[in-house]
Amino acid sequence: MKAIFGITLGIAVLVGCAAPGTAPAPQSSRAAETGSARDRARAHTDLGVSYYDAGKLAIALEELNEALRADQSYAPAWGARALVHMDLKEDAKAEKDFQQAIRVDPNNSDSKNNYGMFLCQRKRGQEGVRQLLDAVKNPLYATPDVAYKNAALCSRGLGDAKSAEEYFKRAVQLNPRQPQALYNLAEISYAQDDPVASKGYLDRYMRVIEAPGPEALWLGARLERRLGNRDAQTNYADALRRKYPSSAEAKALMQGRYE
């Protein structure tokens, strides 16, 4: 399964998340011009995040620059601007902003998670895992399962299968509905020749995901075959052929390449 890292912002956005291509509500723009320095920084950051969500990176950057002009000590503005620079492939600027977000607020677990993700994607996995595990030390962190899941994906990329499995299990302990951790544990259990455990994780994954991809359907067909559950195997195989007929997994199914 493709490794997908989770970005967390941890910002109380005044205007909510804008739909792609839409602009924030006018009242949010007015709020950015009133109140204390911290209030203005928060309002501009909220606007910046909304524009970021809408894919309007240039305007997002302008708003986040305004936020930092209002209050240089507002960590969420640094963290959000780091994500914009990250999307713009401006890695040096992104890293500098991530580090500043953590410097002004050492308990900012969202920035530590995102910085860890950034490092892992830049082939600096050991540094990334350290940041991700540091993020979960904060007992007030709202989504430690995401950081553990990211640490697992990063560890897998480093070839550290033992740590990856441990971190995936911690993610599931914290959030029994953590989809990527559940799927990866199903894969790991299957590779360890434990189809019963694999089925348990995959069944849980299927209950929390809306549209399983070809990888999950193919894993389901293979493990049910190994367990001798022919009807369940057929259901997975039929779904794979119907929904993803051109996928590599469907081609493997048609060729009978189950292992």
C-alpha atoms as a PDB file:
ATOM      1  CA  MET A   1       0.000   0.000   0.000  1.00  0.00           C
ATOM      2  CA  LYS A   2       1.323   3.445  -0.826  1.00  0.00           C
ATOM      3  CA  ALA A   3       2.652   5.294   2.213  1.00  0.00           C
ATOM      4  CA  ILE A   4       0.516   8.350   2.841  1.00  0.00           C
ATOM      5  CA  PHE A   5       1.526  10.588   5.705  1.00  0.00           C
ATOM      6  CA  GLY A   6      -1.038  12.548   7.699  1.00  0.00           C
ATOM      7  CA  ILE A   7      -0.776  16.314   7.977  1.00  0.00           C
ATOM      8  CA  THR A   8      -2.225  17.796  11.140  1.00  0.00           C
ATOM      9  CA  LEU A   9      -2.755  21.502  11.651  1.00  0.00           C
ATOM     10  CA  GLY A  10      -4.293  21.732  15.099  1.00  0.00           C
ATOM     11  CA  ILE A  11      -5.618  25.231  14.382  1.00  0.00           C
ATOM     12  CA  ALA A  12      -9.057  26.376  15.480  1.00  0.00           C
ATOM     13  CA  VAL A  13     -10.044  27.746  12.094  1.00  0.00           C
ATOM     14  CA  LEU A  14     -12.627  30.504  12.433  1.00  0.00           C
ATOM     15  CA  VAL A  15     -14.026  29.987   8.962  1.00  0.00           C
ATOM     16  CA  GLY A  16     -13.808  26.222   8.737  1.00  0.00           C
ATOM     17  CA  CYS A  17     -12.197  24.335   5.877  1.00  0.00           C
ATOM     18  CA  ALA A  18     -13.060  25.854   2.554  1.00  0.00           C
ATOM     19  CA  ALA A  19     -14.059  23.617  -0.308  1.00  0.00           C
ATOM     20  CA  PRO A  20     -11.401  23.331  -3.032  1.00  0.00           C
ATOM     21  CA  GLY A  21     -11.288  26.477  -5.112  1.00  0.00           C
ATOM     22  CA  THR A  22     -13.434  28.565  -2.756  1.00  0.00           C
ATOM     23  CA  ALA A  23     -12.456  31.615  -0.722  1.00  0.00           C
ATOM     24  CA  PRO A  24     -13.057  32.193   2.993  1.00  0.00           C
ATOM     25  CA  ALA A  25     -16.127  34.068   4.160  1.00  0.00           C
ATOM     26  CA  PRO A  26     -15.888  37.899   4.078  1.00  0.00           C
ATOM     27  CA  GLN A  27     -16.420  38.198   7.839  1.00  0.00           C
ATOM     28  CA  SER A  28     -13.190  36.268   8.440  1.00  0.00           C
ATOM     29  CA  SER A  29     -11.258  38.888   6.471  1.00  0.00           C
ATOM     30  CA  ARG A  30     -12.761  41.660   8.632  1.00  0.00           C
ATOM     31  CA  ALA A  31     -11.842  39.777  11.793  1.00  0.00           C
ATOM     32  CA  ALA A  32      -8.199  39.713  10.700  1.00  0.00           C
ATOM     33  CA  GLU A  33      -8.030  43.510  10.947  1.00  0.00           C
ATOM     34  CA  THR A  34      -9.363  43.899  14.485  1.00  0.00           C
ATOM     35  CA  GLY A  35      -8.458  42.822  18.006  1.00  0.00           C
ATOM     36  CA  SER A  36      -5.121  42.220  19.696  1.00  0.00           C
ATOM     37  CA  ALA A  37      -1.915  41.185  17.923  1.00  0.00           C
ATOM     38  CA  ARG A  38      -2.583  37.553  18.844  1.00  0.00           C
ATOM     39  CA  ASP A  39      -6.181  37.787  17.611  1.00  0.00           C
ATOM     40  CA  ARG A  40      -5.007  39.225  14.291  1.00  0.00           C
ATOM     41  CA  ALA A  41      -2.336  36.549  13.965  1.00  0.00           C
ATOM     42  CA  ARG A  42      -4.904  33.840  14.655  1.00  0.00           C
ATOM     43  CA  ALA A  43      -7.402  35.298  12.177  1.00  0.00           C
ATOM     44  CA  HIS A  44      -4.813  35.653   9.394  1.00  0.00           C
ATOM     45  CA  THR A  45      -3.601  32.115  10.102  1.00  0.00           C
ATOM     46  CA  ASP A  46      -7.148  30.803   9.856  1.00  0.00           C
ATOM     47  CA  LEU A  47      -7.516  32.583   6.525  1.00  0.00           C
ATOM     48  CA  GLY A  48      -4.174  31.209   5.361  1.00  0.00           C
ATOM     49  CA  VAL A  49      -5.196  27.657   6.257  1.00  0.00           C
ATOM     50  CA  SER A  50      -8.503  28.083   4.419  1.00  0.00           C
ATOM     51  CA  TYR A  51      -6.723  29.280   1.287  1.00  0.00           C
ATOM     52  CA  TYR A  52      -4.213  26.428   1.675  1.00  0.00           C
ATOM     53  CA  ASP A  53      -7.095  23.948   1.835  1.00  0.00           C
ATOM     54  CA  ALA A  54      -8.543  25.552  -1.308  1.00  0.00           C
ATOM     55  CA  GLY A  55      -5.224  25.141  -3.140  1.00  0.00           C
ATOM     56  CA  LYS A  56      -4.615  28.906  -3.329  1.00  0.00           C
ATOM     57  CA  LEU A  57      -1.018  28.775  -2.113  1.00  0.00           C
ATOM     58  CA  ALA A  58       0.052  32.304  -3.077  1.00  0.00           C
ATOM     59  CA  ILE A  59      -2.821  33.913  -1.157  1.00  0.00           C
ATOM     60  CA  ALA A  60      -2.294  31.505   1.735  1.00  0.00           C
ATOM     61  CA  LEU A  61       1.320  32.624   1.939  1.00  0.00           C
ATOM     62  CA  GLU A  62       0.288  36.285   1.985  1.00  0.00           C
ATOM     63  CA  GLU A  63      -2.130  35.682   4.862  1.00  0.00           C
ATOM     64  CA  LEU A  64       0.418  33.719   6.887  1.00  0.00           C
ATOM     65  CA  ASN A  65       3.018  36.430   6.358  1.00  0.00           C
ATOM     66  CA  GLU A  66       0.463  38.906   7.715  1.00  0.00           C
ATOM     67  CA  ALA A  67      -0.114  36.641  10.706  1.00  0.00           C
ATOM     68  CA  LEU A  68       3.588  36.617  11.531  1.00  0.00           C
ATOM     69  CA  ARG A  69       3.867  40.365  11.082  1.00  0.00           C
ATOM     70  CA  ALA A  70       1.144  40.667  13.710  1.00  0.00           C
ATOM     71  CA  ASP A  71       2.686  38.167  16.158  1.00  0.00           C
ATOM     72  CA  GLN A  72       6.040  36.446  15.649  1.00  0.00           C
ATOM     73  CA  SER A  73       5.382  34.142  18.606  1.00  0.00           C
ATOM     74  CA  TYR A  74       2.252  32.486  17.150  1.00  0.00           C
ATOM     75  CA  ALA A  75       3.441  28.943  16.448  1.00  0.00           C
ATOM     76  CA  PRO A  76       0.498  27.791  14.263  1.00  0.00           C
ATOM     77  CA  ALA A  77       1.342  30.512  11.736  1.00  0.00           C
ATOM     78  CA  TRP A  78       4.918  29.233  11.435  1.00  0.00           C
ATOM     79  CA  GLY A  79       3.691  25.656  11.142  1.00  0.00           C
ATOM     80  CA  ALA A  80       1.088  26.477   8.503  1.00  0.00           C
ATOM     81  CA  ARG A  81       3.544  28.548   6.475  1.00  0.00           C
ATOM     82  CA  ALA A  82       5.962  25.620   6.574  1.00  0.00           C
ATOM     83  CA  LEU A  83       3.308  23.471   4.893  1.00  0.00           C
ATOM     84  CA  VAL A  84       2.818  26.056   2.153  1.00  0.00           C
ATOM     85  CA  HIS A  85       6.563  26.186   1.497  1.00  0.00           C
ATOM     86  CA  MET A  86       6.595  22.392   1.546  1.00  0.00           C
ATOM     87  CA  ASP A  87       3.933  22.249  -1.175  1.00  0.00           C
ATOM     88  CA  LEU A  88       5.853  24.860  -3.157  1.00  0.00           C
ATOM     89  CA  LYS A  89       8.978  22.623  -2.985  1.00  0.00           C
ATOM     90  CA  GLU A  90      10.803  25.334  -1.040  1.00  0.00           C
ATOM     91  CA  ASP A  91      12.404  22.876   1.344  1.00  0.00           C
ATOM     92  CA  ALA A  92      14.909  25.179   3.037  1.00  0.00           C
ATOM     93  CA  LYS A  93      12.169  27.689   3.880  1.00  0.00           C
ATOM     94  CA  ALA A  94       9.821  24.921   5.017  1.00  0.00           C
ATOM     95  CA  GLU A  95      12.387  23.435   7.367  1.00  0.00           C
ATOM     96  CA  LYS A  96      13.246  26.818   8.829  1.00  0.00           C
ATOM     97  CA  ASP A  97       9.561  27.504   9.542  1.00  0.00           C
ATOM     98  CA  PHE A  98       8.984  24.064  11.076  1.00  0.00           C
ATOM     99  CA  GLN A  99      11.934  24.606  13.395  1.00  0.00           C
ATOM    100  CA  GLN A 100      10.708  28.069  14.346  1.00  0.00           C
ATOM    101  CA  ALA A 101       7.210  26.738  15.109  1.00  0.00           C
ATOM    102  CA  ILE A 102       8.738  24.218  17.519  1.00  0.00           C
ATOM    103  CA  ARG A 103      11.127  26.801  18.971  1.00  0.00           C
ATOM    104  CA  VAL A 104       8.368  29.246  19.911  1.00  0.00           C
ATOM    105  CA  ASP A 105       6.131  26.435  21.223  1.00  0.00           C
ATOM    106  CA  PRO A 106       8.054  23.286  22.255  1.00  0.00           C
ATOM    107  CA  ASN A 107       4.736  21.537  22.972  1.00  0.00           C
ATOM    108  CA  ASN A 108       3.460  22.035  19.419  1.00  0.00           C
ATOM    109  CA  SER A 109       2.928  18.385  18.523  1.00  0.00           C
ATOM    110  CA  ASP A 110       1.205  19.181  15.222  1.00  0.00           C
ATOM    111  CA  SER A 111       4.346  20.921  13.966  1.00  0.00           C
ATOM    112  CA  LYS A 112       6.523  18.062  15.218  1.00  0.00           C
ATOM    113  CA  ASN A 113       4.330  15.562  13.368  1.00  0.00           C
ATOM    114  CA  ASN A 114       4.445  17.600  10.168  1.00  0.00           C
ATOM    115  CA  TYR A 115       8.182  18.254  10.458  1.00  0.00           C
ATOM    116  CA  GLY A 116       8.752  14.539  11.027  1.00  0.00           C
ATOM    117  CA  MET A 117       6.691  13.772   7.917  1.00  0.00           C
ATOM    118  CA  PHE A 118       8.703  16.326   5.956  1.00  0.00           C
ATOM    119  CA  LEU A 119      11.999  14.747   7.058  1.00  0.00           C
ATOM    120  CA  CYS A 120      10.828  11.231   6.240  1.00  0.00           C
ATOM    121  CA  GLN A 121       9.782  12.269   2.750  1.00  0.00           C
ATOM    122  CA  ARG A 122      13.206  13.890   2.254  1.00  0.00           C
ATOM    123  CA  LYS A 123      15.039  10.622   3.009  1.00  0.00           C
ATOM    124  CA  ARG A 124      15.981  11.738   6.520  1.00  0.00           C
ATOM    125  CA  GLY A 125      14.001   9.023   8.205  1.00  0.00           C
ATOM    126  CA  GLN A 126      15.877   8.684  11.468  1.00  0.00           C
ATOM    127  CA  GLU A 127      15.490  12.397  12.157  1.00  0.00           C
ATOM    128  CA  GLY A 128      11.857  12.159  11.133  1.00  0.00           C
ATOM    129  CA  VAL A 129      11.064   9.298  13.513  1.00  0.00           C
ATOM    130  CA  ARG A 130      12.638  11.242  16.387  1.00  0.00           C
ATOM    131  CA  GLN A 131      10.360  14.210  15.691  1.00  0.00           C
ATOM    132  CA  LEU A 132       7.289  11.977  15.390  1.00  0.00           C
ATOM    133  CA  LEU A 133       7.970  10.172  18.662  1.00  0.00           C
ATOM    134  CA  ASP A 134       8.642  13.503  20.346  1.00  0.00           C
ATOM    135  CA  ALA A 135       5.193  14.668  19.187  1.00  0.00           C
ATOM    136  CA  VAL A 136       3.419  11.929  21.170  1.00  0.00           C
ATOM    137  CA  LYS A 137       5.133  12.878  24.427  1.00  0.00           C
ATOM    138  CA  ASN A 138       2.654  15.726  24.855  1.00  0.00           C
ATOM    139  CA  PRO A 139      -0.301  14.260  26.830  1.00  0.00           C
ATOM    140  CA  LEU A 140      -2.593  16.928  25.355  1.00  0.00           C
ATOM    141  CA  TYR A 141      -1.857  16.001  21.743  1.00  0.00           C
ATOM    142  CA  ALA A 142      -5.210  15.303  20.096  1.00  0.00           C
ATOM    143  CA  THR A 143      -4.071  12.829  17.410  1.00  0.00           C
ATOM    144  CA  PRO A 144      -1.087  10.790  18.670  1.00  0.00           C
ATOM    145  CA  ASP A 145      -2.270   7.850  16.545  1.00  0.00           C
ATOM    146  CA  VAL A 146      -1.383   9.863  13.426  1.00  0.00           C
ATOM    147  CA  ALA A 147       2.164  10.478  14.655  1.00  0.00           C
ATOM    148  CA  TYR A 148       2.617   6.800  15.566  1.00  0.00           C
ATOM    149  CA  LYS A 149       1.252   5.756  12.168  1.00  0.00           C
ATOM    150  CA  ASN A 150       3.660   8.143  10.460  1.00  0.00           C
ATOM    151  CA  ALA A 151       6.547   6.850  12.571  1.00  0.00           C
ATOM    152  CA  ALA A 152       5.625   3.326  11.466  1.00  0.00           C
ATOM    153  CA  LEU A 153       5.554   4.274   7.780  1.00  0.00           C
ATOM    154  CA  CYS A 154       8.864   6.075   8.178  1.00  0.00           C
ATOM    155  CA  SER A 155      10.417   3.099   9.992  1.00  0.00           C
ATOM    156  CA  ARG A 156       9.222   0.796   7.234  1.00  0.00           C
ATOM    157  CA  GLY A 157      10.987   3.013   4.733  1.00  0.00           C
ATOM    158  CA  LEU A 158      14.161   2.622   6.775  1.00  0.00           C
ATOM    159  CA  GLY A 159      13.820  -1.156   6.676  1.00  0.00           C
ATOM    160  CA  ASP A 160      13.032  -1.373  10.396  1.00  0.00           C
ATOM    161  CA  ALA A 161      10.091  -3.788  10.230  1.00  0.00           C
ATOM    162  CA  LYS A 162      10.051  -4.491  13.970  1.00  0.00           C
ATOM    163  CA  SER A 163       9.647  -0.842  14.953  1.00  0.00           C
ATOM    164  CA  ALA A 164       7.113  -0.294  12.175  1.00  0.00           C
ATOM    165  CA  GLU A 165       4.897  -3.065  13.517  1.00  0.00           C
ATOM    166  CA  GLU A 166       5.222  -1.750  17.081  1.00  0.00           C
ATOM    167  CA  TYR A 167       4.235   1.784  16.064  1.00  0.00           C
ATOM    168  CA  PHE A 168       1.298   0.581  13.956  1.00  0.00           C
ATOM    169  CA  LYS A 169       0.019  -1.374  16.954  1.00  0.00           C
ATOM    170  CA  ARG A 170       0.366   1.671  19.204  1.00  0.00           C
ATOM    171  CA  ALA A 171      -1.605   3.712  16.678  1.00  0.00           C
ATOM    172  CA  VAL A 172      -4.425   1.158  16.724  1.00  0.00           C
ATOM    173  CA  GLN A 173      -4.406   1.004  20.528  1.00  0.00           C
ATOM    174  CA  LEU A 174      -4.906   4.763  20.626  1.00  0.00           C
ATOM    175  CA  ASN A 175      -7.425   4.821  17.785  1.00  0.00           C
ATOM    176  CA  PRO A 176      -9.025   1.469  16.921  1.00  0.00           C
ATOM    177  CA  ARG A 177     -10.329   3.037  13.702  1.00  0.00           C
ATOM    178  CA  GLN A 178      -6.930   4.217  12.398  1.00  0.00           C
ATOM    179  CA  PRO A 179      -7.253   2.984   8.783  1.00  0.00           C
ATOM    180  CA  GLN A 180      -3.666   3.000   7.570  1.00  0.00           C
ATOM    181  CA  ALA A 181      -2.419   1.267  10.695  1.00  0.00           C
ATOM    182  CA  LEU A 182      -5.118  -1.405  10.395  1.00  0.00           C
ATOM    183  CA  TYR A 183      -4.337  -2.056   6.738  1.00  0.00           C
ATOM    184  CA  ASN A 184      -0.593  -2.211   7.265  1.00  0.00           C
ATOM    185  CA  LEU A 185      -1.002  -4.600  10.198  1.00  0.00           C
ATOM    186  CA  ALA A 186      -3.144  -6.796   7.941  1.00  0.00           C
ATOM    187  CA  GLU A 187      -0.339  -6.800   5.370  1.00  0.00           C
ATOM    188  CA  ILE A 188       2.319  -7.503   7.994  1.00  0.00           C
ATOM    189  CA  SER A 189       0.332 -10.374   9.519  1.00  0.00           C
ATOM    190  CA  TYR A 190      -0.223 -11.894   6.083  1.00  0.00           C
ATOM    191  CA  ALA A 191       3.511 -11.719   5.335  1.00  0.00           C
ATOM    192  CA  GLN A 192       4.174 -13.402   8.704  1.00  0.00           C
ATOM    193  CA  ASP A 193       1.933 -16.308   7.615  1.00  0.00           C
ATOM    194  CA  ASP A 194      -0.763 -15.400  10.129  1.00  0.00           C
ATOM    195  CA  PRO A 195      -3.914 -15.145   7.988  1.00  0.00           C
ATOM    196  CA  VAL A 196      -6.233 -15.216  11.021  1.00  0.00           C
ATOM    197  CA  ALA A 197      -4.661 -12.047  12.456  1.00  0.00           C
ATOM    198  CA  SER A 198      -4.518 -10.555   8.970  1.00  0.00           C
ATOM    199  CA  LYS A 199      -8.243 -11.173   8.493  1.00  0.00           C
ATOM    200  CA  GLY A 200      -9.014  -9.556  11.848  1.00  0.00           C
ATOM    201  CA  TYR A 201      -7.163  -6.374  10.912  1.00  0.00           C
ATOM    202  CA  LEU A 202      -8.517  -6.309   7.360  1.00  0.00           C
ATOM    203  CA  ASP A 203     -12.107  -6.808   8.513  1.00  0.00           C
ATOM    204  CA  ARG A 204     -11.709  -3.837  10.845  1.00  0.00           C
ATOM    205  CA  TYR A 205     -10.162  -1.796   8.045  1.00  0.00           C
ATOM    206  CA  MET A 206     -13.085  -2.577   5.733  1.00  0.00           C
ATOM    207  CA  ARG A 207     -15.511  -1.326   8.371  1.00  0.00           C
ATOM    208  CA  VAL A 208     -13.869   2.105   8.598  1.00  0.00           C
ATOM    209  CA  ILE A 209     -12.995   2.758   4.949  1.00  0.00           C
ATOM    210  CA  GLU A 210     -15.558   3.925   2.406  1.00  0.00           C
ATOM    211  CA  ALA A 211     -13.971   2.667  -0.799  1.00  0.00           C
ATOM    212  CA  PRO A 212     -11.242   0.039  -0.403  1.00  0.00           C
ATOM    213  CA  GLY A 213      -8.597   0.170  -3.099  1.00  0.00           C
ATOM    214  CA  PRO A 214      -7.344  -2.690  -5.253  1.00  0.00           C
ATOM    215  CA  GLU A 215      -4.544  -3.515  -2.806  1.00  0.00           C
ATOM    216  CA  ALA A 216      -7.008  -4.185   0.019  1.00  0.00           C
ATOM    217  CA  LEU A 217      -9.372  -6.221  -2.162  1.00  0.00           C
ATOM    218  CA  TRP A 218      -6.485  -8.303  -3.468  1.00  0.00           C
ATOM    219  CA  LEU A 219      -5.159  -8.895   0.044  1.00  0.00           C
ATOM    220  CA  GLY A 220      -8.653  -9.980   1.076  1.00  0.00           C
ATOM    221  CA  ALA A 221      -8.916 -12.444  -1.807  1.00  0.00           C
ATOM    222  CA  ARG A 222      -5.513 -13.943  -1.034  1.00  0.00           C
ATOM    223  CA  LEU A 223      -5.990 -14.323   2.711  1.00  0.00           C
ATOM    224  CA  GLU A 224      -9.490 -15.802   2.354  1.00  0.00           C
ATOM    225  CA  ARG A 225      -8.045 -18.259  -0.157  1.00  0.00           C
ATOM    226  CA  ARG A 226      -5.355 -19.185   2.344  1.00  0.00           C
ATOM    227  CA  LEU A 227      -8.023 -19.667   5.032  1.00  0.00           C
ATOM    228  CA  GLY A 228     -10.147 -21.776   2.692  1.00  0.00           C
ATOM    229  CA  ASN A 229     -13.102 -19.379   2.726  1.00  0.00           C
ATOM    230  CA  ARG A 230     -14.122 -19.754  -0.912  1.00  0.00           C
ATOM    231  CA  ASP A 231     -17.244 -17.589  -0.813  1.00  0.00           C
ATOM    232  CA  ALA A 232     -15.398 -14.686   0.816  1.00  0.00           C
ATOM    233  CA  GLN A 233     -12.531 -15.127  -1.642  1.00  0.00           C
ATOM    234  CA  THR A 234     -14.982 -14.948  -4.547  1.00  0.00           C
ATOM    235  CA  ASN A 235     -16.612 -11.794  -3.157  1.00  0.00           C
ATOM    236  CA  TYR A 236     -13.268 -10.009  -2.921  1.00  0.00           C
ATOM    237  CA  ALA A 237     -12.190 -11.221  -6.361  1.00  0.00           C
ATOM    238  CA  ASP A 238     -15.460 -10.128  -7.967  1.00  0.00           C
ATOM    239  CA  ALA A 239     -15.213  -6.688  -6.369  1.00  0.00           C
ATOM    240  CA  LEU A 240     -11.621  -6.326  -7.592  1.00  0.00           C
ATOM    241  CA  ARG A 241     -12.520  -7.258 -11.172  1.00  0.00           C
ATOM    242  CA  ARG A 242     -15.592  -5.029 -11.171  1.00  0.00           C
ATOM    243  CA  LYS A 243     -14.120  -1.899  -9.577  1.00  0.00           C
ATOM    244  CA  TYR A 244     -10.491  -2.002 -10.732  1.00  0.00           C
ATOM    245  CA  PRO A 245     -10.360  -4.090 -13.919  1.00  0.00           C
ATOM    246  CA  SER A 246      -7.184  -2.408 -15.189  1.00  0.00           C
ATOM    247  CA  SER A 247      -5.226  -2.601 -11.924  1.00  0.00           C
ATOM    248  CA  ALA A 248      -2.083  -4.669 -11.466  1.00  0.00           C
ATOM    249  CA  GLU A 249      -3.927  -6.582  -8.754  1.00  0.00           C
ATOM    250  CA  ALA A 250      -6.768  -7.525 -11.116  1.00  0.00           C
ATOM    251  CA  LYS A 251      -4.236  -8.713 -13.683  1.00  0.00           C
ATOM    252  CA  ALA A 252      -2.522 -10.854 -11.035  1.00  0.00           C
ATOM    253  CA  LEU A 253      -5.920 -12.305 -10.109  1.00  0.00           C
ATOM    254  CA  MET A 254      -6.717 -13.156 -13.728  1.00  0.00           C
ATOM    255  CA  GLN A 255      -3.329 -14.849 -14.082  1.00  0.00           C
ATOM    256  CA  GLY A 256      -3.753 -16.777 -10.839  1.00  0.00           C
ATOM    257  CA  ARG A 257      -0.657 -15.224  -9.238  1.00  0.00           C
ATOM    258  CA  TYR A 258      -1.853 -15.346  -5.638  1.00  0.00           C
ATOM    259  CA  GLU A 259       1.563 -15.368  -3.991  1.00  0.00           C
END
